[in-house]
Amino acid sequence: MTQCIWVLFRHRKPVDGMIETATVPGSVRKPRIRIDCAAMISSESPPAIQDTGLLIVPGAKSVWRASAMALFLPTLVIAVGYAGLWAYLLLSGREAGALARASQAVLILGVPLLLVHAGLRLATTEMILRGSQLEIHPGFPARDPVHIAYRDIGTIRLRRGLSGRLTGSGSLILEVPAGRPVVVCALQEPEAALAAIRSRCSREEPPARAVEERL
C-alpha cells in the first residue's frame, strides 16, 4: 500500500514555482524546489533600447562638443594682462590714476562676465551626426538648433587661428546653397568631425568638399 502511494506521488506533475516534496519509505523527507527559469529570465531582461535617431556605428563618434580650453583661453589672457598692468601701476605708485581704475573695472566686472559667457557657450555648443541630417547647436546666445541634410551641404571649411593651434580646436564652416553659412566654433577634434561629415556626405550627391583655412 505504501509503495503504491509513493508511485502515484512520484508521477504527479508539479506546479511551476511550487515546492515539491517526496517521501521515500524509510528515509527523511527532503523538499525539492522546481524553479521556473524562463519566468525569471523574462522578468530580469534589460529594457529595450530606444532609438534616438543617432547614427549608431560601433566605435564611431557621433557627438562633438566645444573645447573648454579654446573658449576660456581668451578670458584668461585678458585677466592675466590686466592683472599684470594693475600690479605694475600699484608698485609704481600710480594706483589712483585713470588707467589703474580701468584695470580694476575690467578685473572686477569684465572678467566675470566673460567667464560666464564662455561657460554658457561651452554648455550649449554641440554638433550631432544623425541618420539623415546634421544637427548643430551654435551655442549661446542662439537657442534653436540648426538641421542640415547631408545632401544639402556644399563646402566644408576648417578654420584654425592661433587659439586653435594652441588648444587643438577649430571651427567648421558649412556652406549650404539655400542659406547663409553655418559656423560651429571651437570644436574639439575638428579633423575627426570634418572626416565624419565628409564620410556621411560621400554617400549623398553632390559630395561635400573640404577646405582648411589657416589664419
N, C-alpha and C. Protein backbone atom coordinates (compact mmCIF):
# COMPACT_ATOMS: atom_id res chain seq x y z
N MET A 1 0.84 -1.20 0.00
CA MET A 1 0.00 0.00 0.00
C MET A 1 0.88 1.27 0.00
N THR A 2 1.89 1.24 0.81
CA THR A 2 2.81 2.39 0.87
C THR A 2 3.55 2.59 -0.44
N GLN A 3 3.94 1.50 -1.08
CA GLN A 3 4.64 1.61 -2.38
C GLN A 3 3.71 2.17 -3.45
N CYS A 4 2.45 1.82 -3.44
CA CYS A 4 1.51 2.36 -4.43
C CYS A 4 1.34 3.86 -4.26
N ILE A 5 1.24 4.32 -3.00
CA ILE A 5 1.12 5.76 -2.76
C ILE A 5 2.36 6.49 -3.25
N TRP A 6 3.52 5.91 -2.99
CA TRP A 6 4.77 6.53 -3.43
C TRP A 6 4.86 6.66 -4.96
N VAL A 7 4.41 5.62 -5.69
CA VAL A 7 4.44 5.66 -7.15
C VAL A 7 3.51 6.74 -7.68
N LEU A 8 2.30 6.84 -7.10
CA LEU A 8 1.35 7.87 -7.54
C LEU A 8 1.89 9.27 -7.24
N PHE A 9 2.48 9.47 -6.11
CA PHE A 9 3.01 10.79 -5.75
C PHE A 9 4.20 11.18 -6.59
N ARG A 10 5.03 10.20 -6.96
CA ARG A 10 6.24 10.49 -7.73
C ARG A 10 5.90 10.91 -9.15
N HIS A 11 4.81 10.36 -9.73
CA HIS A 11 4.44 10.69 -11.11
C HIS A 11 3.47 11.85 -11.18
N ARG A 12 3.20 12.54 -10.07
CA ARG A 12 2.35 13.72 -10.10
C ARG A 12 3.10 14.88 -10.73
N LYS A 13 2.44 15.65 -11.60
CA LYS A 13 3.09 16.79 -12.27
C LYS A 13 3.13 17.97 -11.33
N PRO A 14 4.30 18.47 -10.96
CA PRO A 14 4.37 19.59 -10.02
C PRO A 14 3.97 20.90 -10.70
N VAL A 15 3.58 21.85 -9.90
CA VAL A 15 3.22 23.18 -10.37
C VAL A 15 4.48 24.04 -10.38
N ASP A 16 4.63 24.88 -11.44
CA ASP A 16 5.82 25.73 -11.57
C ASP A 16 5.92 26.66 -10.38
N GLY A 17 7.12 26.76 -9.80
CA GLY A 17 7.36 27.67 -8.70
C GLY A 17 6.91 27.13 -7.36
N MET A 18 6.32 25.93 -7.28
CA MET A 18 5.86 25.35 -6.02
C MET A 18 6.90 24.39 -5.48
N ILE A 19 6.81 24.13 -4.22
CA ILE A 19 7.73 23.21 -3.56
C ILE A 19 7.18 21.79 -3.68
N GLU A 20 7.97 20.90 -4.17
CA GLU A 20 7.56 19.51 -4.33
C GLU A 20 8.29 18.67 -3.29
N THR A 21 7.59 17.87 -2.57
CA THR A 21 8.19 17.00 -1.56
C THR A 21 7.96 15.56 -1.95
N ALA A 22 8.91 14.76 -1.67
CA ALA A 22 8.82 13.33 -1.96
C ALA A 22 9.20 12.55 -0.71
N THR A 23 8.49 11.50 -0.44
CA THR A 23 8.74 10.68 0.73
C THR A 23 9.13 9.29 0.27
N VAL A 24 10.28 8.91 0.62
CA VAL A 24 10.77 7.57 0.30
C VAL A 24 10.65 6.73 1.55
N PRO A 25 10.13 5.53 1.40
CA PRO A 25 10.00 4.67 2.60
C PRO A 25 11.33 4.49 3.32
N GLY A 26 11.29 4.76 4.60
CA GLY A 26 12.50 4.58 5.41
C GLY A 26 13.49 5.69 5.32
N SER A 27 13.15 6.85 4.71
CA SER A 27 14.08 7.98 4.58
C SER A 27 13.42 9.24 5.12
N VAL A 28 14.25 10.27 5.26
CA VAL A 28 13.78 11.54 5.77
C VAL A 28 13.21 12.36 4.62
N ARG A 29 12.12 13.11 4.89
CA ARG A 29 11.50 13.93 3.85
C ARG A 29 12.45 15.07 3.45
N LYS A 30 12.73 15.18 2.17
CA LYS A 30 13.61 16.22 1.65
C LYS A 30 12.85 17.04 0.61
N PRO A 31 12.73 18.33 0.82
CA PRO A 31 11.99 19.15 -0.17
C PRO A 31 12.81 19.35 -1.42
N ARG A 32 12.12 19.37 -2.51
CA ARG A 32 12.74 19.66 -3.81
C ARG A 32 12.01 20.85 -4.42
N ILE A 33 12.79 21.86 -4.85
CA ILE A 33 12.20 23.09 -5.38
C ILE A 33 12.40 23.12 -6.88
N ARG A 34 11.32 23.31 -7.59
CA ARG A 34 11.37 23.42 -9.04
C ARG A 34 11.21 24.88 -9.42
N ILE A 35 12.23 25.51 -10.05
CA ILE A 35 12.25 26.93 -10.36
C ILE A 35 11.93 27.13 -11.83
N ASP A 36 11.05 28.05 -12.06
CA ASP A 36 10.70 28.40 -13.43
C ASP A 36 11.74 29.39 -13.96
N CYS A 37 12.78 28.88 -14.62
CA CYS A 37 13.89 29.73 -15.09
C CYS A 37 13.43 30.67 -16.20
N ALA A 38 12.52 30.23 -17.03
CA ALA A 38 12.07 31.08 -18.13
C ALA A 38 11.39 32.34 -17.61
N ALA A 39 10.59 32.17 -16.54
CA ALA A 39 9.92 33.34 -15.99
C ALA A 39 10.91 34.30 -15.35
N MET A 40 11.93 33.76 -14.66
CA MET A 40 12.93 34.61 -14.04
C MET A 40 13.72 35.37 -15.08
N ILE A 41 14.09 34.70 -16.19
CA ILE A 41 14.88 35.37 -17.22
C ILE A 41 14.08 36.49 -17.87
N SER A 42 12.79 36.22 -18.14
CA SER A 42 11.98 37.25 -18.77
C SER A 42 11.75 38.44 -17.86
N SER A 43 11.67 38.20 -16.53
CA SER A 43 11.44 39.31 -15.61
C SER A 43 12.69 40.12 -15.36
N GLU A 44 13.89 39.54 -15.59
CA GLU A 44 15.14 40.25 -15.35
C GLU A 44 15.78 40.75 -16.64
N SER A 45 15.09 40.66 -17.75
CA SER A 45 15.65 41.11 -19.02
C SER A 45 15.80 42.61 -19.02
N PRO A 46 16.87 43.14 -19.60
CA PRO A 46 17.06 44.60 -19.63
C PRO A 46 16.02 45.25 -20.51
N PRO A 47 15.70 46.51 -20.25
CA PRO A 47 14.71 47.20 -21.06
C PRO A 47 15.21 47.41 -22.47
N ALA A 48 14.28 47.50 -23.38
CA ALA A 48 14.63 47.68 -24.78
C ALA A 48 15.28 49.03 -25.00
N ILE A 49 16.25 49.08 -25.90
CA ILE A 49 16.96 50.31 -26.21
C ILE A 49 16.10 51.15 -27.14
N GLN A 50 15.88 52.39 -26.78
CA GLN A 50 15.07 53.28 -27.59
C GLN A 50 15.92 53.90 -28.69
N ASP A 51 15.32 54.03 -29.84
CA ASP A 51 16.00 54.63 -30.98
C ASP A 51 15.97 56.15 -30.84
N THR A 52 17.13 56.77 -30.71
CA THR A 52 17.22 58.22 -30.55
C THR A 52 17.48 58.95 -31.85
N GLY A 53 17.57 58.21 -32.96
CA GLY A 53 17.82 58.86 -34.23
C GLY A 53 19.28 59.11 -34.51
N LEU A 54 20.17 58.76 -33.61
CA LEU A 54 21.59 58.98 -33.83
C LEU A 54 22.14 57.97 -34.83
N LEU A 55 23.17 58.37 -35.52
CA LEU A 55 23.87 57.46 -36.41
C LEU A 55 24.74 56.56 -35.54
N ILE A 56 24.26 55.36 -35.23
CA ILE A 56 24.95 54.46 -34.31
C ILE A 56 25.88 53.58 -35.12
N VAL A 57 27.16 53.80 -34.99
CA VAL A 57 28.18 53.00 -35.66
C VAL A 57 29.14 52.51 -34.59
N PRO A 58 29.39 51.20 -34.48
CA PRO A 58 30.29 50.71 -33.44
C PRO A 58 31.67 51.35 -33.56
N GLY A 59 32.14 51.94 -32.47
CA GLY A 59 33.45 52.56 -32.44
C GLY A 59 33.52 53.94 -33.06
N ALA A 60 32.41 54.46 -33.56
CA ALA A 60 32.41 55.78 -34.20
C ALA A 60 31.83 56.81 -33.24
N LYS A 61 32.28 58.05 -33.42
CA LYS A 61 31.82 59.13 -32.58
C LYS A 61 30.73 59.90 -33.32
N SER A 62 29.65 60.22 -32.61
CA SER A 62 28.51 60.88 -33.24
C SER A 62 28.21 62.25 -32.65
N VAL A 63 28.84 62.63 -31.55
CA VAL A 63 28.56 63.90 -30.88
C VAL A 63 29.88 64.62 -30.65
N TRP A 64 29.92 65.89 -31.06
CA TRP A 64 31.10 66.73 -30.84
C TRP A 64 30.69 67.95 -30.04
N ARG A 65 31.54 68.33 -29.09
CA ARG A 65 31.26 69.48 -28.23
C ARG A 65 32.40 70.50 -28.35
N ALA A 66 32.16 71.65 -27.76
CA ALA A 66 33.16 72.71 -27.82
C ALA A 66 34.32 72.41 -26.88
N SER A 67 35.46 73.00 -27.19
CA SER A 67 36.66 72.84 -26.37
C SER A 67 36.65 73.88 -25.24
N ALA A 68 36.74 73.41 -24.01
CA ALA A 68 36.74 74.33 -22.86
C ALA A 68 37.97 75.23 -22.88
N MET A 69 39.11 74.67 -23.24
CA MET A 69 40.34 75.47 -23.28
C MET A 69 40.24 76.57 -24.32
N ALA A 70 39.66 76.26 -25.49
CA ALA A 70 39.56 77.27 -26.53
C ALA A 70 38.61 78.40 -26.14
N LEU A 71 37.56 78.09 -25.39
CA LEU A 71 36.60 79.12 -25.00
C LEU A 71 37.08 79.98 -23.84
N PHE A 72 37.81 79.36 -22.91
CA PHE A 72 38.24 80.11 -21.72
C PHE A 72 39.60 80.77 -21.89
N LEU A 73 40.37 80.37 -22.88
CA LEU A 73 41.72 80.92 -23.04
C LEU A 73 41.73 82.43 -23.28
N PRO A 74 40.89 83.01 -24.13
CA PRO A 74 40.92 84.48 -24.29
C PRO A 74 40.63 85.23 -23.00
N THR A 75 39.67 84.73 -22.22
CA THR A 75 39.36 85.39 -20.95
C THR A 75 40.53 85.31 -19.98
N LEU A 76 41.20 84.18 -19.94
CA LEU A 76 42.36 84.04 -19.06
C LEU A 76 43.49 84.99 -19.48
N VAL A 77 43.67 85.14 -20.78
CA VAL A 77 44.72 86.05 -21.26
C VAL A 77 44.38 87.49 -20.86
N ILE A 78 43.12 87.89 -21.01
CA ILE A 78 42.71 89.24 -20.61
C ILE A 78 42.89 89.44 -19.12
N ALA A 79 42.50 88.44 -18.31
CA ALA A 79 42.63 88.57 -16.86
C ALA A 79 44.09 88.70 -16.44
N VAL A 80 44.96 87.88 -17.02
CA VAL A 80 46.38 87.95 -16.66
C VAL A 80 46.98 89.28 -17.11
N GLY A 81 46.60 89.75 -18.29
CA GLY A 81 47.16 91.01 -18.78
C GLY A 81 46.76 92.21 -17.93
N TYR A 82 45.49 92.32 -17.60
CA TYR A 82 45.05 93.46 -16.79
C TYR A 82 45.52 93.34 -15.34
N ALA A 83 45.64 92.11 -14.85
CA ALA A 83 46.17 91.96 -13.50
C ALA A 83 47.63 92.38 -13.44
N GLY A 84 48.40 92.03 -14.48
CA GLY A 84 49.79 92.47 -14.52
C GLY A 84 49.92 93.97 -14.65
N LEU A 85 49.05 94.59 -15.45
CA LEU A 85 49.08 96.04 -15.59
C LEU A 85 48.73 96.74 -14.28
N TRP A 86 47.70 96.23 -13.59
CA TRP A 86 47.32 96.85 -12.32
C TRP A 86 48.41 96.68 -11.27
N ALA A 87 49.07 95.51 -11.25
CA ALA A 87 50.16 95.30 -10.30
C ALA A 87 51.33 96.25 -10.60
N TYR A 88 51.62 96.47 -11.88
CA TYR A 88 52.70 97.39 -12.23
C TYR A 88 52.36 98.81 -11.78
N LEU A 89 51.12 99.25 -12.02
CA LEU A 89 50.72 100.60 -11.60
C LEU A 89 50.73 100.72 -10.08
N LEU A 90 50.36 99.66 -9.40
CA LEU A 90 50.36 99.70 -7.93
C LEU A 90 51.77 99.83 -7.38
N LEU A 91 52.69 99.08 -7.95
CA LEU A 91 54.08 99.14 -7.47
C LEU A 91 54.76 100.45 -7.83
N SER A 92 54.32 101.07 -8.90
CA SER A 92 54.92 102.35 -9.31
C SER A 92 54.26 103.56 -8.66
N GLY A 93 53.31 103.34 -7.77
CA GLY A 93 52.66 104.43 -7.07
C GLY A 93 51.60 105.17 -7.86
N ARG A 94 51.07 104.56 -8.93
CA ARG A 94 50.05 105.21 -9.75
C ARG A 94 48.72 104.46 -9.68
N GLU A 95 48.44 103.90 -8.52
CA GLU A 95 47.21 103.12 -8.38
C GLU A 95 45.96 103.99 -8.37
N ALA A 96 46.10 105.30 -8.21
CA ALA A 96 44.94 106.20 -8.19
C ALA A 96 44.62 106.81 -9.54
N GLY A 97 45.38 106.44 -10.58
CA GLY A 97 45.16 107.02 -11.90
C GLY A 97 43.98 106.40 -12.63
N ALA A 98 43.67 106.99 -13.77
CA ALA A 98 42.55 106.50 -14.57
C ALA A 98 42.81 105.11 -15.14
N LEU A 99 44.07 104.86 -15.54
CA LEU A 99 44.40 103.55 -16.10
C LEU A 99 44.27 102.45 -15.05
N ALA A 100 44.67 102.75 -13.83
CA ALA A 100 44.54 101.77 -12.75
C ALA A 100 43.07 101.49 -12.45
N ARG A 101 42.25 102.52 -12.45
CA ARG A 101 40.82 102.31 -12.20
C ARG A 101 40.16 101.51 -13.33
N ALA A 102 40.59 101.76 -14.55
CA ALA A 102 40.06 100.98 -15.67
C ALA A 102 40.46 99.51 -15.56
N SER A 103 41.69 99.27 -15.13
CA SER A 103 42.14 97.88 -14.95
C SER A 103 41.32 97.18 -13.87
N GLN A 104 41.06 97.87 -12.78
CA GLN A 104 40.24 97.30 -11.72
C GLN A 104 38.82 97.01 -12.21
N ALA A 105 38.26 97.89 -13.02
CA ALA A 105 36.91 97.67 -13.54
C ALA A 105 36.86 96.43 -14.43
N VAL A 106 37.89 96.26 -15.24
CA VAL A 106 37.93 95.07 -16.10
C VAL A 106 38.04 93.80 -15.26
N LEU A 107 38.90 93.82 -14.24
CA LEU A 107 39.08 92.64 -13.41
C LEU A 107 37.84 92.33 -12.56
N ILE A 108 37.15 93.34 -12.11
CA ILE A 108 36.01 93.11 -11.22
C ILE A 108 34.73 92.81 -11.98
N LEU A 109 34.53 93.51 -13.10
CA LEU A 109 33.28 93.36 -13.85
C LEU A 109 33.44 92.58 -15.16
N GLY A 110 34.44 92.95 -15.93
CA GLY A 110 34.58 92.37 -17.26
C GLY A 110 34.94 90.89 -17.25
N VAL A 111 35.94 90.52 -16.46
CA VAL A 111 36.40 89.12 -16.45
C VAL A 111 35.31 88.16 -15.98
N PRO A 112 34.57 88.43 -14.89
CA PRO A 112 33.48 87.50 -14.52
C PRO A 112 32.42 87.36 -15.60
N LEU A 113 32.06 88.45 -16.27
CA LEU A 113 31.08 88.36 -17.34
C LEU A 113 31.60 87.51 -18.51
N LEU A 114 32.86 87.69 -18.84
CA LEU A 114 33.44 86.87 -19.91
C LEU A 114 33.49 85.39 -19.53
N LEU A 115 33.77 85.09 -18.27
CA LEU A 115 33.79 83.70 -17.82
C LEU A 115 32.39 83.08 -17.90
N VAL A 116 31.39 83.84 -17.52
CA VAL A 116 30.01 83.33 -17.61
C VAL A 116 29.63 83.09 -19.06
N HIS A 117 30.00 84.02 -19.94
CA HIS A 117 29.69 83.85 -21.36
C HIS A 117 30.37 82.62 -21.93
N ALA A 118 31.64 82.41 -21.58
CA ALA A 118 32.35 81.23 -22.08
C ALA A 118 31.73 79.94 -21.53
N GLY A 119 31.31 79.96 -20.27
CA GLY A 119 30.66 78.77 -19.71
C GLY A 119 29.35 78.45 -20.38
N LEU A 120 28.56 79.47 -20.70
CA LEU A 120 27.30 79.24 -21.40
C LEU A 120 27.53 78.70 -22.81
N ARG A 121 28.52 79.22 -23.48
CA ARG A 121 28.83 78.69 -24.82
C ARG A 121 29.32 77.26 -24.75
N LEU A 122 30.10 76.94 -23.74
CA LEU A 122 30.59 75.57 -23.58
C LEU A 122 29.43 74.60 -23.35
N ALA A 123 28.43 75.03 -22.59
CA ALA A 123 27.32 74.14 -22.26
C ALA A 123 26.30 74.01 -23.38
N THR A 124 26.31 74.94 -24.34
CA THR A 124 25.26 74.95 -25.37
C THR A 124 25.78 74.67 -26.78
N THR A 125 27.07 74.57 -26.97
CA THR A 125 27.61 74.31 -28.30
C THR A 125 27.76 72.80 -28.50
N GLU A 126 27.17 72.29 -29.58
CA GLU A 126 27.18 70.85 -29.81
C GLU A 126 26.86 70.57 -31.27
N MET A 127 27.45 69.50 -31.79
CA MET A 127 27.17 69.04 -33.14
C MET A 127 26.90 67.54 -33.09
N ILE A 128 25.76 67.12 -33.66
CA ILE A 128 25.33 65.73 -33.57
C ILE A 128 25.12 65.20 -34.99
N LEU A 129 25.71 64.04 -35.27
CA LEU A 129 25.50 63.37 -36.55
C LEU A 129 24.33 62.41 -36.40
N ARG A 130 23.21 62.76 -37.04
CA ARG A 130 22.04 61.89 -37.02
C ARG A 130 21.96 61.08 -38.31
N GLY A 131 20.92 60.28 -38.41
CA GLY A 131 20.86 59.34 -39.51
C GLY A 131 20.88 59.97 -40.89
N SER A 132 20.08 61.02 -41.10
CA SER A 132 19.99 61.63 -42.42
C SER A 132 20.31 63.12 -42.42
N GLN A 133 20.65 63.67 -41.27
CA GLN A 133 20.92 65.11 -41.21
C GLN A 133 21.89 65.42 -40.09
N LEU A 134 22.42 66.62 -40.17
CA LEU A 134 23.35 67.12 -39.17
C LEU A 134 22.62 68.11 -38.27
N GLU A 135 22.70 67.89 -36.97
CA GLU A 135 22.05 68.79 -36.01
C GLU A 135 23.13 69.62 -35.31
N ILE A 136 23.00 70.94 -35.42
CA ILE A 136 24.01 71.85 -34.90
C ILE A 136 23.38 72.77 -33.87
N HIS A 137 23.98 72.83 -32.70
CA HIS A 137 23.60 73.81 -31.68
C HIS A 137 24.72 74.86 -31.65
N PRO A 138 24.49 76.03 -32.23
CA PRO A 138 25.58 77.02 -32.35
C PRO A 138 26.10 77.52 -31.01
N GLY A 139 25.30 77.43 -29.96
CA GLY A 139 25.76 77.91 -28.66
C GLY A 139 25.17 79.26 -28.32
N PHE A 140 25.35 79.64 -27.08
CA PHE A 140 24.81 80.90 -26.57
C PHE A 140 25.36 82.08 -27.38
N PRO A 141 24.51 83.05 -27.78
CA PRO A 141 23.12 83.28 -27.35
C PRO A 141 22.06 82.63 -28.22
N ALA A 142 22.45 81.86 -29.26
CA ALA A 142 21.45 81.20 -30.09
C ALA A 142 20.75 80.10 -29.29
N ARG A 143 19.46 79.95 -29.51
CA ARG A 143 18.69 78.97 -28.75
C ARG A 143 18.24 77.78 -29.59
N ASP A 144 17.85 78.04 -30.85
CA ASP A 144 17.27 76.99 -31.69
C ASP A 144 18.38 76.25 -32.43
N PRO A 145 18.29 74.93 -32.51
CA PRO A 145 19.28 74.17 -33.29
C PRO A 145 19.06 74.33 -34.78
N VAL A 146 20.08 74.01 -35.54
CA VAL A 146 20.03 74.08 -37.00
C VAL A 146 20.16 72.67 -37.54
N HIS A 147 19.24 72.29 -38.43
CA HIS A 147 19.26 70.96 -39.04
C HIS A 147 19.60 71.10 -40.52
N ILE A 148 20.62 70.37 -40.94
CA ILE A 148 21.07 70.42 -42.34
C ILE A 148 21.15 68.99 -42.86
N ALA A 149 20.46 68.72 -43.94
CA ALA A 149 20.57 67.40 -44.58
C ALA A 149 21.95 67.25 -45.21
N TYR A 150 22.48 66.05 -45.18
CA TYR A 150 23.83 65.84 -45.71
C TYR A 150 23.90 66.16 -47.20
N ARG A 151 22.83 65.90 -47.91
CA ARG A 151 22.84 66.17 -49.37
C ARG A 151 22.84 67.65 -49.68
N ASP A 152 22.50 68.50 -48.69
CA ASP A 152 22.46 69.95 -48.93
C ASP A 152 23.76 70.65 -48.55
N ILE A 153 24.73 69.92 -48.02
CA ILE A 153 26.00 70.54 -47.62
C ILE A 153 26.89 70.69 -48.85
N GLY A 154 27.34 71.91 -49.07
CA GLY A 154 28.21 72.15 -50.21
C GLY A 154 29.68 72.02 -49.83
N THR A 155 30.26 73.11 -49.36
CA THR A 155 31.68 73.13 -48.99
C THR A 155 31.81 73.19 -47.47
N ILE A 156 32.74 72.42 -46.94
CA ILE A 156 33.04 72.43 -45.51
C ILE A 156 34.44 73.00 -45.32
N ARG A 157 34.54 74.07 -44.56
CA ARG A 157 35.84 74.71 -44.31
C ARG A 157 36.22 74.55 -42.84
N LEU A 158 37.48 74.24 -42.61
CA LEU A 158 38.03 74.14 -41.26
C LEU A 158 38.90 75.36 -41.02
N ARG A 159 38.52 76.18 -40.05
CA ARG A 159 39.26 77.40 -39.75
C ARG A 159 39.95 77.26 -38.41
N ARG A 160 41.24 77.49 -38.39
CA ARG A 160 42.03 77.39 -37.17
C ARG A 160 42.92 78.60 -37.07
N GLY A 161 42.72 79.37 -36.01
CA GLY A 161 43.58 80.50 -35.76
C GLY A 161 44.67 80.15 -34.76
N LEU A 162 45.24 81.17 -34.13
CA LEU A 162 46.29 80.94 -33.14
C LEU A 162 45.74 80.17 -31.94
N SER A 163 44.55 80.53 -31.50
CA SER A 163 43.94 79.81 -30.38
C SER A 163 43.68 78.36 -30.72
N GLY A 164 43.26 78.09 -31.97
CA GLY A 164 43.02 76.72 -32.38
C GLY A 164 44.29 75.89 -32.41
N ARG A 165 45.39 76.48 -32.85
CA ARG A 165 46.66 75.75 -32.86
C ARG A 165 47.16 75.46 -31.46
N LEU A 166 46.90 76.38 -30.54
CA LEU A 166 47.37 76.18 -29.16
C LEU A 166 46.52 75.16 -28.41
N THR A 167 45.24 75.13 -28.69
CA THR A 167 44.32 74.26 -27.94
C THR A 167 43.89 73.02 -28.69
N GLY A 168 44.27 72.90 -29.96
CA GLY A 168 43.85 71.73 -30.74
C GLY A 168 42.40 71.77 -31.17
N SER A 169 41.80 72.94 -31.20
CA SER A 169 40.40 73.08 -31.58
C SER A 169 40.30 73.73 -32.95
N GLY A 170 39.08 73.88 -33.43
CA GLY A 170 38.86 74.52 -34.72
C GLY A 170 37.39 74.78 -34.94
N SER A 171 37.09 75.61 -35.92
CA SER A 171 35.71 75.96 -36.26
C SER A 171 35.38 75.40 -37.63
N LEU A 172 34.21 74.82 -37.76
CA LEU A 172 33.73 74.29 -39.03
C LEU A 172 32.74 75.28 -39.63
N ILE A 173 32.92 75.58 -40.90
CA ILE A 173 32.02 76.46 -41.64
C ILE A 173 31.37 75.64 -42.74
N LEU A 174 30.07 75.45 -42.64
CA LEU A 174 29.34 74.64 -43.60
C LEU A 174 28.52 75.57 -44.50
N GLU A 175 28.78 75.49 -45.79
CA GLU A 175 28.06 76.31 -46.75
C GLU A 175 26.94 75.49 -47.38
N VAL A 176 25.75 76.07 -47.35
CA VAL A 176 24.58 75.42 -47.94
C VAL A 176 24.08 76.30 -49.08
N PRO A 177 23.54 75.69 -50.14
CA PRO A 177 23.14 76.50 -51.30
C PRO A 177 22.02 77.49 -51.00
N ALA A 178 21.10 77.14 -50.10
CA ALA A 178 19.91 77.96 -49.91
C ALA A 178 19.93 78.76 -48.62
N GLY A 179 21.09 79.21 -48.20
CA GLY A 179 21.13 79.97 -46.96
C GLY A 179 22.53 80.44 -46.63
N ARG A 180 22.64 81.10 -45.46
CA ARG A 180 23.93 81.60 -45.03
C ARG A 180 24.77 80.45 -44.48
N PRO A 181 26.09 80.58 -44.51
CA PRO A 181 26.94 79.53 -43.94
C PRO A 181 26.68 79.34 -42.45
N VAL A 182 26.77 78.10 -42.02
CA VAL A 182 26.58 77.75 -40.61
C VAL A 182 27.95 77.51 -40.00
N VAL A 183 28.23 78.18 -38.88
CA VAL A 183 29.53 78.11 -38.23
C VAL A 183 29.39 77.39 -36.89
N VAL A 184 30.24 76.39 -36.67
CA VAL A 184 30.32 75.71 -35.38
C VAL A 184 31.70 76.02 -34.81
N CYS A 185 31.74 76.81 -33.75
CA CYS A 185 33.00 77.36 -33.25
C CYS A 185 33.63 76.47 -32.19
N ALA A 186 34.97 76.49 -32.18
CA ALA A 186 35.79 75.92 -31.09
C ALA A 186 35.46 74.48 -30.80
N LEU A 187 35.38 73.65 -31.84
CA LEU A 187 35.08 72.24 -31.63
C LEU A 187 36.31 71.46 -31.20
N GLN A 188 36.10 70.47 -30.36
CA GLN A 188 37.15 69.52 -30.05
C GLN A 188 37.34 68.58 -31.24
N GLU A 189 38.57 68.18 -31.48
CA GLU A 189 38.90 67.24 -32.55
C GLU A 189 38.22 67.64 -33.87
N PRO A 190 38.52 68.81 -34.38
CA PRO A 190 37.82 69.26 -35.59
C PRO A 190 38.13 68.40 -36.81
N GLU A 191 39.34 67.84 -36.90
CA GLU A 191 39.66 66.99 -38.04
C GLU A 191 38.79 65.75 -38.07
N ALA A 192 38.56 65.15 -36.89
CA ALA A 192 37.71 63.96 -36.83
C ALA A 192 36.27 64.32 -37.18
N ALA A 193 35.81 65.47 -36.72
CA ALA A 193 34.45 65.90 -37.06
C ALA A 193 34.31 66.14 -38.55
N LEU A 194 35.33 66.76 -39.14
CA LEU A 194 35.31 67.01 -40.58
C LEU A 194 35.29 65.70 -41.36
N ALA A 195 36.10 64.73 -40.94
CA ALA A 195 36.12 63.43 -41.62
C ALA A 195 34.79 62.70 -41.49
N ALA A 196 34.16 62.80 -40.33
CA ALA A 196 32.88 62.13 -40.13
C ALA A 196 31.80 62.73 -41.02
N ILE A 197 31.78 64.06 -41.15
CA ILE A 197 30.79 64.70 -42.01
C ILE A 197 31.06 64.36 -43.48
N ARG A 198 32.31 64.35 -43.88
CA ARG A 198 32.64 64.01 -45.26
C ARG A 198 32.24 62.57 -45.57
N SER A 199 32.40 61.68 -44.58
CA SER A 199 32.01 60.29 -44.79
C SER A 199 30.52 60.15 -45.03
N ARG A 200 29.74 60.94 -44.29
CA ARG A 200 28.30 60.91 -44.49
C ARG A 200 27.90 61.58 -45.81
N CYS A 201 28.57 62.67 -46.13
CA CYS A 201 28.22 63.38 -47.37
C CYS A 201 28.66 62.62 -48.61
N SER A 202 29.66 61.75 -48.48
CA SER A 202 30.12 60.99 -49.63
C SER A 202 29.06 60.02 -50.14
N ARG A 203 28.08 59.69 -49.30
CA ARG A 203 27.00 58.80 -49.73
C ARG A 203 25.88 59.56 -50.42
N GLU A 204 25.97 60.87 -50.38
CA GLU A 204 24.94 61.70 -50.99
C GLU A 204 25.49 62.36 -52.25
N GLU A 205 24.64 62.96 -53.00
CA GLU A 205 25.02 63.71 -54.21
C GLU A 205 24.54 65.15 -54.08
N PRO A 206 25.39 66.13 -54.32
CA PRO A 206 26.81 66.02 -54.64
C PRO A 206 27.64 65.89 -53.38
N PRO A 207 28.85 65.27 -53.43
CA PRO A 207 29.67 65.16 -52.24
C PRO A 207 30.22 66.50 -51.78
N ALA A 208 30.41 66.64 -50.48
CA ALA A 208 30.92 67.89 -49.93
C ALA A 208 32.42 67.99 -50.14
N ARG A 209 32.89 69.20 -50.34
CA ARG A 209 34.32 69.46 -50.48
C ARG A 209 34.83 70.08 -49.21
N ALA A 210 36.01 69.69 -48.80
CA ALA A 210 36.60 70.18 -47.55
C ALA A 210 37.75 71.12 -47.85
N VAL A 211 37.76 72.23 -47.19
CA VAL A 211 38.82 73.22 -47.35
C VAL A 211 39.29 73.62 -45.96
N GLU A 212 40.59 73.73 -45.75
CA GLU A 212 41.12 74.14 -44.46
C GLU A 212 41.72 75.53 -44.58
N GLU A 213 41.30 76.39 -43.68
CA GLU A 213 41.83 77.75 -43.65
C GLU A 213 42.77 77.89 -42.48
N ARG A 214 43.91 78.46 -42.69
CA ARG A 214 44.87 78.74 -41.64
C ARG A 214 45.07 80.24 -41.56
N LEU A 215 44.68 80.80 -40.43
CA LEU A 215 44.80 82.26 -40.26
C LEU A 215 46.10 82.59 -39.56
